[in-house]
PDB file of all heavy atoms in Angstrom:
ATOM      1  N   ARG A   1      66.453 -26.217  -4.989  1.00  0.00           N
ATOM      2  CA  ARG A   1      66.492 -27.723  -5.146  1.00  0.00           C
ATOM      3  C   ARG A   1      65.678 -28.105  -6.264  1.00  0.00           C
ATOM      4  O   ARG A   1      66.000 -29.031  -7.082  1.00  0.00           O
ATOM      5  CB  ARG A   1      66.181 -28.411  -3.846  1.00  0.00           C
ATOM      6  CG  ARG A   1      67.122 -28.116  -2.632  1.00  0.00           C
ATOM      7  CD  ARG A   1      66.952 -29.127  -1.551  1.00  0.00           C
ATOM      8  NE  ARG A   1      65.675 -29.243  -1.038  1.00  0.00           N
ATOM      9  CZ  ARG A   1      65.076 -28.460  -0.154  1.00  0.00           C
ATOM     10  NH1 ARG A   1      65.738 -27.522   0.351  1.00  0.00           N
ATOM     11  NH2 ARG A   1      63.771 -28.754   0.230  1.00  0.00           N
ATOM     12  N   LEU A   2      64.397 -27.587  -6.275  1.00  0.00           N
ATOM     13  CA  LEU A   2      63.527 -27.943  -7.381  1.00  0.00           C
ATOM     14  C   LEU A   2      63.953 -27.511  -8.687  1.00  0.00           C
ATOM     15  O   LEU A   2      64.065 -28.421  -9.615  1.00  0.00           O
ATOM     16  CB  LEU A   2      62.198 -27.120  -7.087  1.00  0.00           C
ATOM     17  CG  LEU A   2      61.131 -27.322  -8.149  1.00  0.00           C
ATOM     18  CD1 LEU A   2      60.607 -28.857  -8.205  1.00  0.00           C
ATOM     19  CD2 LEU A   2      59.907 -26.458  -7.898  1.00  0.00           C
ATOM     20  N   LEU A   3      64.502 -26.353  -9.011  1.00  0.00           N
ATOM     21  CA  LEU A   3      64.974 -25.939 -10.195  1.00  0.00           C
ATOM     22  C   LEU A   3      66.204 -26.701 -10.660  1.00  0.00           C
ATOM     23  O   LEU A   3      66.271 -27.148 -11.817  1.00  0.00           O
ATOM     24  CB  LEU A   3      65.247 -24.362 -10.223  1.00  0.00           C
ATOM     25  CG  LEU A   3      64.054 -23.461 -10.085  1.00  0.00           C
ATOM     26  CD1 LEU A   3      64.522 -21.999  -9.935  1.00  0.00           C
ATOM     27  CD2 LEU A   3      63.154 -23.602 -11.221  1.00  0.00           C
ATOM     28  N   ARG A   4      67.156 -26.842  -9.771  1.00  0.00           N
ATOM     29  CA  ARG A   4      68.321 -27.604 -10.126  1.00  0.00           C
ATOM     30  C   ARG A   4      68.052 -29.011 -10.473  1.00  0.00           C
ATOM     31  O   ARG A   4      68.595 -29.577 -11.420  1.00  0.00           O
ATOM     32  CB  ARG A   4      69.389 -27.481  -9.008  1.00  0.00           C
ATOM     33  CG  ARG A   4      70.101 -26.106  -9.012  1.00  0.00           C
ATOM     34  CD  ARG A   4      70.837 -25.831  -7.775  1.00  0.00           C
ATOM     35  NE  ARG A   4      71.647 -24.748  -7.837  1.00  0.00           N
ATOM     36  CZ  ARG A   4      72.911 -24.599  -8.375  1.00  0.00           C
ATOM     37  NH1 ARG A   4      73.522 -25.628  -8.768  1.00  0.00           N
ATOM     38  NH2 ARG A   4      73.562 -23.468  -8.403  1.00  0.00           N
ATOM     39  N   GLY A   5      67.243 -29.607  -9.652  1.00  0.00           N
ATOM     40  CA  GLY A   5      66.797 -30.969  -9.869  1.00  0.00           C
ATOM     41  C   GLY A   5      66.011 -31.136 -11.241  1.00  0.00           C
ATOM     42  O   GLY A   5      66.283 -32.131 -11.989  1.00  0.00           O
ATOM     43  N   MET A   6      65.193 -30.196 -11.527  1.00  0.00           N
ATOM     44  CA  MET A   6      64.485 -30.237 -12.799  1.00  0.00           C
ATOM     45  C   MET A   6      65.423 -30.107 -14.053  1.00  0.00           C
ATOM     46  O   MET A   6      65.363 -30.942 -14.989  1.00  0.00           O
ATOM     47  CB  MET A   6      63.524 -29.022 -12.847  1.00  0.00           C
ATOM     48  CG  MET A   6      62.624 -29.067 -14.126  1.00  0.00           C
ATOM     49  SD  MET A   6      61.372 -27.717 -13.935  1.00  0.00           S
ATOM     50  CE  MET A   6      62.414 -26.243 -13.915  1.00  0.00           C
ATOM     51  N   LEU A   7      66.419 -29.222 -13.909  1.00  0.00           N
ATOM     52  CA  LEU A   7      67.389 -29.044 -15.026  1.00  0.00           C
ATOM     53  C   LEU A   7      68.250 -30.287 -15.213  1.00  0.00           C
ATOM     54  O   LEU A   7      68.460 -30.728 -16.307  1.00  0.00           O
ATOM     55  CB  LEU A   7      68.244 -27.809 -14.707  1.00  0.00           C
ATOM     56  CG  LEU A   7      67.564 -26.556 -14.745  1.00  0.00           C
ATOM     57  CD1 LEU A   7      68.588 -25.379 -14.277  1.00  0.00           C
ATOM     58  CD2 LEU A   7      67.099 -26.121 -16.120  1.00  0.00           C
ATOM     59  N   ALA A   8      68.635 -30.835 -14.124  1.00  0.00           N
ATOM     60  CA  ALA A   8      69.477 -32.076 -14.166  1.00  0.00           C
ATOM     61  C   ALA A   8      68.683 -33.249 -14.703  1.00  0.00           C
ATOM     62  O   ALA A   8      69.339 -34.163 -15.401  1.00  0.00           O
ATOM     63  CB  ALA A   8      70.043 -32.430 -12.727  1.00  0.00           C
ATOM     64  N   ARG A   9      67.389 -33.309 -14.618  1.00  0.00           N
ATOM     65  CA  ARG A   9      66.566 -34.421 -15.045  1.00  0.00           C
ATOM     66  C   ARG A   9      66.039 -34.186 -16.437  1.00  0.00           C
ATOM     67  O   ARG A   9      65.427 -35.074 -16.991  1.00  0.00           O
ATOM     68  CB  ARG A   9      65.525 -34.762 -14.072  1.00  0.00           C
ATOM     69  CG  ARG A   9      66.034 -35.403 -12.770  1.00  0.00           C
ATOM     70  CD  ARG A   9      64.984 -35.477 -11.707  1.00  0.00           C
ATOM     71  NE  ARG A   9      65.544 -36.218 -10.559  1.00  0.00           N
ATOM     72  CZ  ARG A   9      66.457 -35.712  -9.676  1.00  0.00           C
ATOM     73  NH1 ARG A   9      66.950 -34.497  -9.860  1.00  0.00           N
ATOM     74  NH2 ARG A   9      66.852 -36.490  -8.667  1.00  0.00           N
ATOM     75  N   ILE A  10      66.247 -32.995 -16.985  1.00  0.00           N
ATOM     76  CA  ILE A  10      65.620 -32.633 -18.327  1.00  0.00           C
ATOM     77  C   ILE A  10      66.660 -32.380 -19.303  1.00  0.00           C
ATOM     78  O   ILE A  10      66.668 -32.977 -20.445  1.00  0.00           O
ATOM     79  CB  ILE A  10      64.671 -31.448 -18.151  1.00  0.00           C
ATOM     80  CG1 ILE A  10      63.341 -31.870 -17.345  1.00  0.00           C
ATOM     81  CG2 ILE A  10      64.206 -30.976 -19.575  1.00  0.00           C
ATOM     82  CD1 ILE A  10      62.409 -30.737 -17.102  1.00  0.00           C
ATOM     83  N   LEU A  11      67.545 -31.455 -19.059  1.00  0.00           N
ATOM     84  CA  LEU A  11      68.480 -31.021 -20.172  1.00  0.00           C
ATOM     85  C   LEU A  11      69.325 -32.073 -20.738  1.00  0.00           C
ATOM     86  O   LEU A  11      69.540 -32.079 -21.943  1.00  0.00           O
ATOM     87  CB  LEU A  11      69.355 -29.848 -19.539  1.00  0.00           C
ATOM     88  CG  LEU A  11      68.689 -28.520 -19.158  1.00  0.00           C
ATOM     89  CD1 LEU A  11      69.737 -27.496 -18.762  1.00  0.00           C
ATOM     90  CD2 LEU A  11      67.847 -27.979 -20.276  1.00  0.00           C
ATOM     91  N   PRO A  12      69.830 -33.023 -19.993  1.00  0.00           N
ATOM     92  CA  PRO A  12      70.750 -34.071 -20.683  1.00  0.00           C
ATOM     93  C   PRO A  12      70.047 -35.079 -21.425  1.00  0.00           C
ATOM     94  O   PRO A  12      70.653 -36.053 -22.030  1.00  0.00           O
ATOM     95  CB  PRO A  12      71.464 -34.708 -19.455  1.00  0.00           C
ATOM     96  CG  PRO A  12      71.221 -33.794 -18.278  1.00  0.00           C
ATOM     97  CD  PRO A  12      69.903 -33.245 -18.478  1.00  0.00           C
ATOM     98  N   TYR A  13      68.653 -35.042 -21.505  1.00  0.00           N
ATOM     99  CA  TYR A  13      67.897 -35.986 -22.169  1.00  0.00           C
ATOM    100  C   TYR A  13      66.988 -35.347 -23.334  1.00  0.00           C
ATOM    101  O   TYR A  13      66.050 -34.638 -22.989  1.00  0.00           O
ATOM    102  CB  TYR A  13      66.948 -36.778 -21.206  1.00  0.00           C
ATOM    103  CG  TYR A  13      67.729 -37.278 -19.960  1.00  0.00           C
ATOM    104  CD1 TYR A  13      67.866 -36.668 -18.817  1.00  0.00           C
ATOM    105  CD2 TYR A  13      68.347 -38.476 -20.036  1.00  0.00           C
ATOM    106  CE1 TYR A  13      68.578 -37.023 -17.713  1.00  0.00           C
ATOM    107  CE2 TYR A  13      69.128 -39.085 -19.020  1.00  0.00           C
ATOM    108  CZ  TYR A  13      69.155 -38.347 -17.855  1.00  0.00           C
ATOM    109  OH  TYR A  13      69.926 -38.852 -16.752  1.00  0.00           O
ATOM    110  N   PRO A  14      67.483 -35.559 -24.469  1.00  0.00           N
ATOM    111  CA  PRO A  14      66.786 -34.764 -25.620  1.00  0.00           C
ATOM    112  C   PRO A  14      65.363 -34.917 -25.738  1.00  0.00           C
ATOM    113  O   PRO A  14      64.592 -33.976 -26.020  1.00  0.00           O
ATOM    114  CB  PRO A  14      67.416 -35.338 -26.878  1.00  0.00           C
ATOM    115  CG  PRO A  14      68.901 -35.843 -26.359  1.00  0.00           C
ATOM    116  CD  PRO A  14      68.584 -36.320 -24.986  1.00  0.00           C
ATOM    117  N   GLY A  15      64.885 -36.081 -25.507  1.00  0.00           N
ATOM    118  CA  GLY A  15      63.371 -36.345 -25.606  1.00  0.00           C
ATOM    119  C   GLY A  15      62.630 -35.544 -24.508  1.00  0.00           C
ATOM    120  O   GLY A  15      61.687 -34.865 -24.797  1.00  0.00           O
ATOM    121  N   ARG A  16      63.100 -35.614 -23.259  1.00  0.00           N
ATOM    122  CA  ARG A  16      62.501 -34.821 -22.170  1.00  0.00           C
ATOM    123  C   ARG A  16      62.677 -33.348 -22.432  1.00  0.00           C
ATOM    124  O   ARG A  16      61.724 -32.591 -22.148  1.00  0.00           O
ATOM    125  CB  ARG A  16      63.108 -35.178 -20.813  1.00  0.00           C
ATOM    126  CG  ARG A  16      63.104 -36.630 -20.491  1.00  0.00           C
ATOM    127  CD  ARG A  16      63.833 -36.901 -19.114  1.00  0.00           C
ATOM    128  NE  ARG A  16      64.087 -38.264 -18.834  1.00  0.00           N
ATOM    129  CZ  ARG A  16      64.770 -38.679 -17.829  1.00  0.00           C
ATOM    130  NH1 ARG A  16      65.271 -37.862 -16.993  1.00  0.00           N
ATOM    131  NH2 ARG A  16      65.059 -40.010 -17.650  1.00  0.00           N
ATOM    132  N   PHE A  17      63.803 -32.948 -22.943  1.00  0.00           N
ATOM    133  CA  PHE A  17      64.112 -31.538 -23.056  1.00  0.00           C
ATOM    134  C   PHE A  17      63.144 -31.017 -24.209  1.00  0.00           C
ATOM    135  O   PHE A  17      62.562 -29.891 -24.076  1.00  0.00           O
ATOM    136  CB  PHE A  17      65.506 -31.354 -23.501  1.00  0.00           C
ATOM    137  CG  PHE A  17      65.997 -29.907 -23.508  1.00  0.00           C
ATOM    138  CD1 PHE A  17      65.329 -28.956 -22.744  1.00  0.00           C
ATOM    139  CD2 PHE A  17      67.010 -29.488 -24.331  1.00  0.00           C
ATOM    140  CE1 PHE A  17      65.718 -27.588 -22.757  1.00  0.00           C
ATOM    141  CE2 PHE A  17      67.507 -28.150 -24.326  1.00  0.00           C
ATOM    142  CZ  PHE A  17      66.824 -27.255 -23.513  1.00  0.00           C
ATOM    143  N   ARG A  18      62.929 -31.718 -25.258  1.00  0.00           N
ATOM    144  CA  ARG A  18      62.041 -31.319 -26.375  1.00  0.00           C
ATOM    145  C   ARG A  18      60.629 -31.123 -25.783  1.00  0.00           C
ATOM    146  O   ARG A  18      59.933 -30.150 -26.164  1.00  0.00           O
ATOM    147  CB  ARG A  18      62.080 -32.346 -27.527  1.00  0.00           C
ATOM    148  CG  ARG A  18      61.486 -31.825 -28.734  1.00  0.00           C
ATOM    149  CD  ARG A  18      61.694 -32.788 -29.930  1.00  0.00           C
ATOM    150  NE  ARG A  18      63.041 -32.710 -30.471  1.00  0.00           N
ATOM    151  CZ  ARG A  18      64.029 -33.627 -30.238  1.00  0.00           C
ATOM    152  NH1 ARG A  18      63.767 -34.716 -29.598  1.00  0.00           N
ATOM    153  NH2 ARG A  18      65.236 -33.457 -30.710  1.00  0.00           N
ATOM    154  N   LEU A  19      60.148 -32.079 -24.975  1.00  0.00           N
ATOM    155  CA  LEU A  19      58.832 -31.959 -24.404  1.00  0.00           C
ATOM    156  C   LEU A  19      58.726 -30.688 -23.512  1.00  0.00           C
ATOM    157  O   LEU A  19      57.773 -29.972 -23.539  1.00  0.00           O
ATOM    158  CB  LEU A  19      58.472 -33.209 -23.669  1.00  0.00           C
ATOM    159  CG  LEU A  19      58.137 -34.465 -24.407  1.00  0.00           C
ATOM    160  CD1 LEU A  19      57.975 -35.661 -23.505  1.00  0.00           C
ATOM    161  CD2 LEU A  19      56.809 -34.235 -25.173  1.00  0.00           C
ATOM    162  N   ALA A  20      59.778 -30.530 -22.691  1.00  0.00           N
ATOM    163  CA  ALA A  20      59.809 -29.337 -21.784  1.00  0.00           C
ATOM    164  C   ALA A  20      59.818 -28.058 -22.569  1.00  0.00           C
ATOM    165  O   ALA A  20      59.104 -27.118 -22.144  1.00  0.00           O
ATOM    166  CB  ALA A  20      61.084 -29.359 -20.892  1.00  0.00           C
ATOM    167  N   LEU A  21      60.507 -27.972 -23.672  1.00  0.00           N
ATOM    168  CA  LEU A  21      60.526 -26.777 -24.608  1.00  0.00           C
ATOM    169  C   LEU A  21      59.181 -26.572 -25.156  1.00  0.00           C
ATOM    170  O   LEU A  21      58.692 -25.380 -25.270  1.00  0.00           O
ATOM    171  CB  LEU A  21      61.554 -26.911 -25.668  1.00  0.00           C
ATOM    172  CG  LEU A  21      63.010 -26.875 -25.156  1.00  0.00           C
ATOM    173  CD1 LEU A  21      63.965 -27.219 -26.367  1.00  0.00           C
ATOM    174  CD2 LEU A  21      63.341 -25.477 -24.649  1.00  0.00           C
ATOM    175  N   ARG A  22      58.444 -27.627 -25.491  1.00  0.00           N
ATOM    176  CA  ARG A  22      57.014 -27.362 -26.082  1.00  0.00           C
ATOM    177  C   ARG A  22      56.150 -26.833 -24.957  1.00  0.00           C
ATOM    178  O   ARG A  22      55.302 -26.023 -25.213  1.00  0.00           O
ATOM    179  CB  ARG A  22      56.562 -28.678 -26.621  1.00  0.00           C
ATOM    180  CG  ARG A  22      57.264 -29.172 -27.876  1.00  0.00           C
ATOM    181  CD  ARG A  22      56.554 -30.087 -28.748  1.00  0.00           C
ATOM    182  NE  ARG A  22      57.336 -30.539 -29.947  1.00  0.00           N
ATOM    183  CZ  ARG A  22      57.588 -29.792 -31.102  1.00  0.00           C
ATOM    184  NH1 ARG A  22      57.050 -28.525 -31.145  1.00  0.00           N
ATOM    185  NH2 ARG A  22      58.293 -30.353 -31.922  1.00  0.00           N
ATOM    186  N   GLY A  23      56.393 -27.318 -23.805  1.00  0.00           N
ATOM    187  CA  GLY A  23      55.603 -26.853 -22.674  1.00  0.00           C
ATOM    188  C   GLY A  23      55.892 -25.382 -22.373  1.00  0.00           C
ATOM    189  O   GLY A  23      54.967 -24.574 -22.077  1.00  0.00           O
ATOM    190  N   ALA A  24      57.249 -25.044 -22.531  1.00  0.00           N
ATOM    191  CA  ALA A  24      57.604 -23.602 -22.300  1.00  0.00           C
ATOM    192  C   ALA A  24      56.985 -22.656 -23.343  1.00  0.00           C
ATOM    193  O   ALA A  24      56.535 -21.492 -23.036  1.00  0.00           O
ATOM    194  CB  ALA A  24      59.064 -23.506 -22.309  1.00  0.00           C
ATOM    195  N   GLN A  25      56.876 -23.216 -24.598  1.00  0.00           N
ATOM    196  CA  GLN A  25      56.195 -22.381 -25.579  1.00  0.00           C
ATOM    197  C   GLN A  25      54.777 -22.018 -25.243  1.00  0.00           C
ATOM    198  O   GLN A  25      54.352 -20.942 -25.476  1.00  0.00           O
ATOM    199  CB  GLN A  25      56.320 -23.140 -27.005  1.00  0.00           C
ATOM    200  CG  GLN A  25      57.702 -23.181 -27.529  1.00  0.00           C
ATOM    201  CD  GLN A  25      57.847 -24.059 -28.781  1.00  0.00           C
ATOM    202  OE1 GLN A  25      57.014 -24.978 -28.861  1.00  0.00           O
ATOM    203  NE2 GLN A  25      58.725 -23.793 -29.673  1.00  0.00           N
ATOM    204  N   LEU A  26      54.095 -23.102 -24.756  1.00  0.00           N
ATOM    205  CA  LEU A  26      52.683 -22.841 -24.386  1.00  0.00           C
ATOM    206  C   LEU A  26      52.605 -21.927 -23.168  1.00  0.00           C
ATOM    207  O   LEU A  26      51.607 -21.161 -23.135  1.00  0.00           O
ATOM    208  CB  LEU A  26      51.984 -24.216 -24.135  1.00  0.00           C
ATOM    209  CG  LEU A  26      51.905 -25.169 -25.279  1.00  0.00           C
ATOM    210  CD1 LEU A  26      51.398 -26.596 -24.693  1.00  0.00           C
ATOM    211  CD2 LEU A  26      50.992 -24.608 -26.340  1.00  0.00           C
ATOM    212  N   ALA A  27      53.503 -22.043 -22.309  1.00  0.00           N
ATOM    213  CA  ALA A  27      53.392 -21.248 -21.011  1.00  0.00           C
ATOM    214  C   ALA A  27      54.019 -19.761 -21.159  1.00  0.00           C
ATOM    215  O   ALA A  27      53.851 -19.010 -20.305  1.00  0.00           O
ATOM    216  CB  ALA A  27      54.213 -21.970 -19.887  1.00  0.00           C
ATOM    217  N   ARG A  28      54.720 -19.495 -22.258  1.00  0.00           N
ATOM    218  CA  ARG A  28      55.376 -18.232 -22.407  1.00  0.00           C
ATOM    219  C   ARG A  28      54.401 -16.996 -22.255  1.00  0.00           C
ATOM    220  O   ARG A  28      54.778 -16.076 -21.585  1.00  0.00           O
ATOM    221  CB  ARG A  28      56.030 -18.095 -23.723  1.00  0.00           C
ATOM    222  CG  ARG A  28      56.877 -16.756 -23.860  1.00  0.00           C
ATOM    223  CD  ARG A  28      57.616 -16.712 -25.143  1.00  0.00           C
ATOM    224  NE  ARG A  28      58.740 -17.511 -25.224  1.00  0.00           N
ATOM    225  CZ  ARG A  28      58.856 -18.494 -26.092  1.00  0.00           C
ATOM    226  NH1 ARG A  28      57.853 -18.868 -26.876  1.00  0.00           N
ATOM    227  NH2 ARG A  28      59.933 -19.294 -26.147  1.00  0.00           N
ATOM    228  N   PRO A  29      53.144 -17.013 -22.736  1.00  0.00           N
ATOM    229  CA  PRO A  29      52.238 -15.889 -22.514  1.00  0.00           C
ATOM    230  C   PRO A  29      51.950 -15.591 -21.003  1.00  0.00           C
ATOM    231  O   PRO A  29      51.504 -14.530 -20.730  1.00  0.00           O
ATOM    232  CB  PRO A  29      50.928 -16.302 -23.272  1.00  0.00           C
ATOM    233  CG  PRO A  29      51.411 -17.299 -24.224  1.00  0.00           C
ATOM    234  CD  PRO A  29      52.575 -18.031 -23.598  1.00  0.00           C
ATOM    235  N   PHE A  30      52.181 -16.555 -20.198  1.00  0.00           N
ATOM    236  CA  PHE A  30      51.900 -16.459 -18.747  1.00  0.00           C
ATOM    237  C   PHE A  30      53.185 -16.287 -17.937  1.00  0.00           C
ATOM    238  O   PHE A  30      53.163 -16.418 -16.730  1.00  0.00           O
ATOM    239  CB  PHE A  30      51.154 -17.694 -18.251  1.00  0.00           C
ATOM    240  CG  PHE A  30      49.984 -17.997 -19.125  1.00  0.00           C
ATOM    241  CD1 PHE A  30      49.995 -19.031 -20.088  1.00  0.00           C
ATOM    242  CD2 PHE A  30      48.762 -17.330 -18.975  1.00  0.00           C
ATOM    243  CE1 PHE A  30      48.932 -19.342 -20.815  1.00  0.00           C
ATOM    244  CE2 PHE A  30      47.730 -17.606 -19.840  1.00  0.00           C
ATOM    245  CZ  PHE A  30      47.747 -18.643 -20.643  1.00  0.00           C
ATOM    246  N   ALA A  31      54.243 -15.898 -18.594  1.00  0.00           N
ATOM    247  CA  ALA A  31      55.585 -15.792 -17.888  1.00  0.00           C
ATOM    248  C   ALA A  31      55.508 -14.739 -16.697  1.00  0.00           C
ATOM    249  O   ALA A  31      56.112 -14.976 -15.754  1.00  0.00           O
ATOM    250  CB  ALA A  31      56.676 -15.378 -18.915  1.00  0.00           C
ATOM    251  N   ALA A  32      54.761 -13.646 -16.850  1.00  0.00           N
ATOM    252  CA  ALA A  32      54.701 -12.627 -15.936  1.00  0.00           C
ATOM    253  C   ALA A  32      54.110 -13.221 -14.544  1.00  0.00           C
ATOM    254  O   ALA A  32      54.319 -12.573 -13.489  1.00  0.00           O
ATOM    255  CB  ALA A  32      53.943 -11.464 -16.401  1.00  0.00           C
ATOM    256  N   LEU A  33      53.336 -14.268 -14.704  1.00  0.00           N
ATOM    257  CA  LEU A  33      52.665 -14.775 -13.461  1.00  0.00           C
ATOM    258  C   LEU A  33      53.624 -15.820 -12.775  1.00  0.00           C
ATOM    259  O   LEU A  33      53.276 -16.125 -11.608  1.00  0.00           O
ATOM    260  CB  LEU A  33      51.400 -15.548 -13.872  1.00  0.00           C
ATOM    261  CG  LEU A  33      50.349 -14.731 -14.636  1.00  0.00           C
ATOM    262  CD1 LEU A  33      49.224 -15.547 -15.015  1.00  0.00           C
ATOM    263  CD2 LEU A  33      49.940 -13.493 -13.746  1.00  0.00           C
ATOM    264  N   MET A  34      54.721 -16.085 -13.242  1.00  0.00           N
ATOM    265  CA  MET A  34      55.602 -17.048 -12.625  1.00  0.00           C
ATOM    266  C   MET A  34      56.222 -16.449 -11.360  1.00  0.00           C
ATOM    267  O   MET A  34      56.592 -15.291 -11.323  1.00  0.00           O
ATOM    268  CB  MET A  34      56.748 -17.481 -13.602  1.00  0.00           C
ATOM    269  CG  MET A  34      56.317 -18.240 -14.815  1.00  0.00           C
ATOM    270  SD  MET A  34      55.631 -19.842 -14.252  1.00  0.00           S
ATOM    271  CE  MET A  34      54.718 -20.314 -15.706  1.00  0.00           C
ATOM    272  N   PRO A  35      56.249 -17.253 -10.271  1.00  0.00           N
ATOM    273  CA  PRO A  35      56.680 -16.696  -9.016  1.00  0.00           C
ATOM    274  C   PRO A  35      58.098 -16.433  -8.787  1.00  0.00           C
ATOM    275  O   PRO A  35      58.624 -15.745  -7.902  1.00  0.00           O
ATOM    276  CB  PRO A  35      56.203 -17.675  -7.988  1.00  0.00           C
ATOM    277  CG  PRO A  35      56.148 -19.043  -8.717  1.00  0.00           C
ATOM    278  CD  PRO A  35      55.803 -18.601 -10.185  1.00  0.00           C
ATOM    279  N   ASP A  36      58.938 -17.058  -9.744  1.00  0.00           N
ATOM    280  CA  ASP A  36      60.374 -16.948  -9.619  1.00  0.00           C
ATOM    281  C   ASP A  36      60.995 -16.473 -10.954  1.00  0.00           C
ATOM    282  O   ASP A  36      60.599 -16.816 -11.954  1.00  0.00           O
ATOM    283  CB  ASP A  36      61.020 -18.363  -9.259  1.00  0.00           C
ATOM    284  CG  ASP A  36      62.472 -18.290  -8.864  1.00  0.00           C
ATOM    285  OD1 ASP A  36      63.272 -18.131  -9.707  1.00  0.00           O
ATOM    286  OD2 ASP A  36      62.708 -18.418  -7.665  1.00  0.00           O
ATOM    287  N   ARG A  37      61.870 -15.499 -10.790  1.00  0.00           N
ATOM    288  CA  ARG A  37      62.534 -14.918 -11.967  1.00  0.00           C
ATOM    289  C   ARG A  37      63.196 -15.920 -12.847  1.00  0.00           C
ATOM    290  O   ARG A  37      63.401 -15.765 -14.014  1.00  0.00           O
ATOM    291  CB  ARG A  37      63.509 -13.775 -11.554  1.00  0.00           C
ATOM    292  CG  ARG A  37      64.774 -14.321 -10.833  1.00  0.00           C
ATOM    293  CD  ARG A  37      65.620 -13.192 -10.235  1.00  0.00           C
ATOM    294  NE  ARG A  37      66.912 -13.692  -9.756  1.00  0.00           N
ATOM    295  CZ  ARG A  37      67.006 -14.294  -8.573  1.00  0.00           C
ATOM    296  NH1 ARG A  37      65.953 -14.578  -7.796  1.00  0.00           N
ATOM    297  NH2 ARG A  37      68.179 -14.770  -8.177  1.00  0.00           N
ATOM    298  N   ARG A  38      63.740 -17.027 -12.191  1.00  0.00           N
ATOM    299  CA  ARG A  38      64.516 -18.015 -12.913  1.00  0.00           C
ATOM    300  C   ARG A  38      63.520 -18.844 -13.810  1.00  0.00           C
ATOM    301  O   ARG A  38      63.841 -19.221 -14.934  1.00  0.00           O
ATOM    302  CB  ARG A  38      65.245 -18.943 -12.000  1.00  0.00           C
ATOM    303  CG  ARG A  38      66.399 -18.207 -11.310  1.00  0.00           C
ATOM    304  CD  ARG A  38      66.907 -18.994 -10.105  1.00  0.00           C
ATOM    305  NE  ARG A  38      65.956 -19.044  -9.007  1.00  0.00           N
ATOM    306  CZ  ARG A  38      66.277 -19.624  -7.880  1.00  0.00           C
ATOM    307  NH1 ARG A  38      67.402 -20.101  -7.673  1.00  0.00           N
ATOM    308  NH2 ARG A  38      65.329 -19.678  -7.038  1.00  0.00           N
ATOM    309  N   LEU A  39      62.319 -18.976 -13.342  1.00  0.00           N
ATOM    310  CA  LEU A  39      61.278 -19.684 -14.150  1.00  0.00           C
ATOM    311  C   LEU A  39      60.929 -18.813 -15.364  1.00  0.00           C
ATOM    312  O   LEU A  39      60.744 -19.313 -16.439  1.00  0.00           O
ATOM    313  CB  LEU A  39      60.049 -20.023 -13.346  1.00  0.00           C
ATOM    314  CG  LEU A  39      60.099 -21.149 -12.247  1.00  0.00           C
ATOM    315  CD1 LEU A  39      58.868 -21.105 -11.469  1.00  0.00           C
ATOM    316  CD2 LEU A  39      60.257 -22.463 -12.983  1.00  0.00           C
ATOM    317  N   ARG A  40      60.821 -17.594 -15.160  1.00  0.00           N
ATOM    318  CA  ARG A  40      60.552 -16.589 -16.298  1.00  0.00           C
ATOM    319  C   ARG A  40      61.696 -16.683 -17.252  1.00  0.00           C
ATOM    320  O   ARG A  40      61.449 -16.595 -18.431  1.00  0.00           O
ATOM    321  CB  ARG A  40      60.314 -15.175 -15.706  1.00  0.00           C
ATOM    322  CG  ARG A  40      59.110 -15.082 -14.852  1.00  0.00           C
ATOM    323  CD  ARG A  40      58.762 -13.573 -14.608  1.00  0.00           C
ATOM    324  NE  ARG A  40      59.792 -12.905 -13.787  1.00  0.00           N
ATOM    325  CZ  ARG A  40      59.738 -12.804 -12.453  1.00  0.00           C
ATOM    326  NH1 ARG A  40      58.709 -13.523 -11.791  1.00  0.00           N
ATOM    327  NH2 ARG A  40      60.641 -12.176 -11.742  1.00  0.00           N
ATOM    328  N   ALA A  41      62.960 -16.690 -16.729  1.00  0.00           N
ATOM    329  CA  ALA A  41      64.085 -16.845 -17.626  1.00  0.00           C
ATOM    330  C   ALA A  41      64.046 -18.110 -18.566  1.00  0.00           C
ATOM    331  O   ALA A  41      64.395 -18.072 -19.690  1.00  0.00           O
ATOM    332  CB  ALA A  41      65.319 -16.721 -16.906  1.00  0.00           C
TER     333      ALA A  41
END
């Protein structure tokens, strides 16, 4: 529910999506620590 809700509220909105992508760039070095394989993806 969390992941699907997050995708629905981020991907269709370019401004939000751009911010999320910048966050993902910062978090990428810590991907191995993510508890869910989908978050790592």
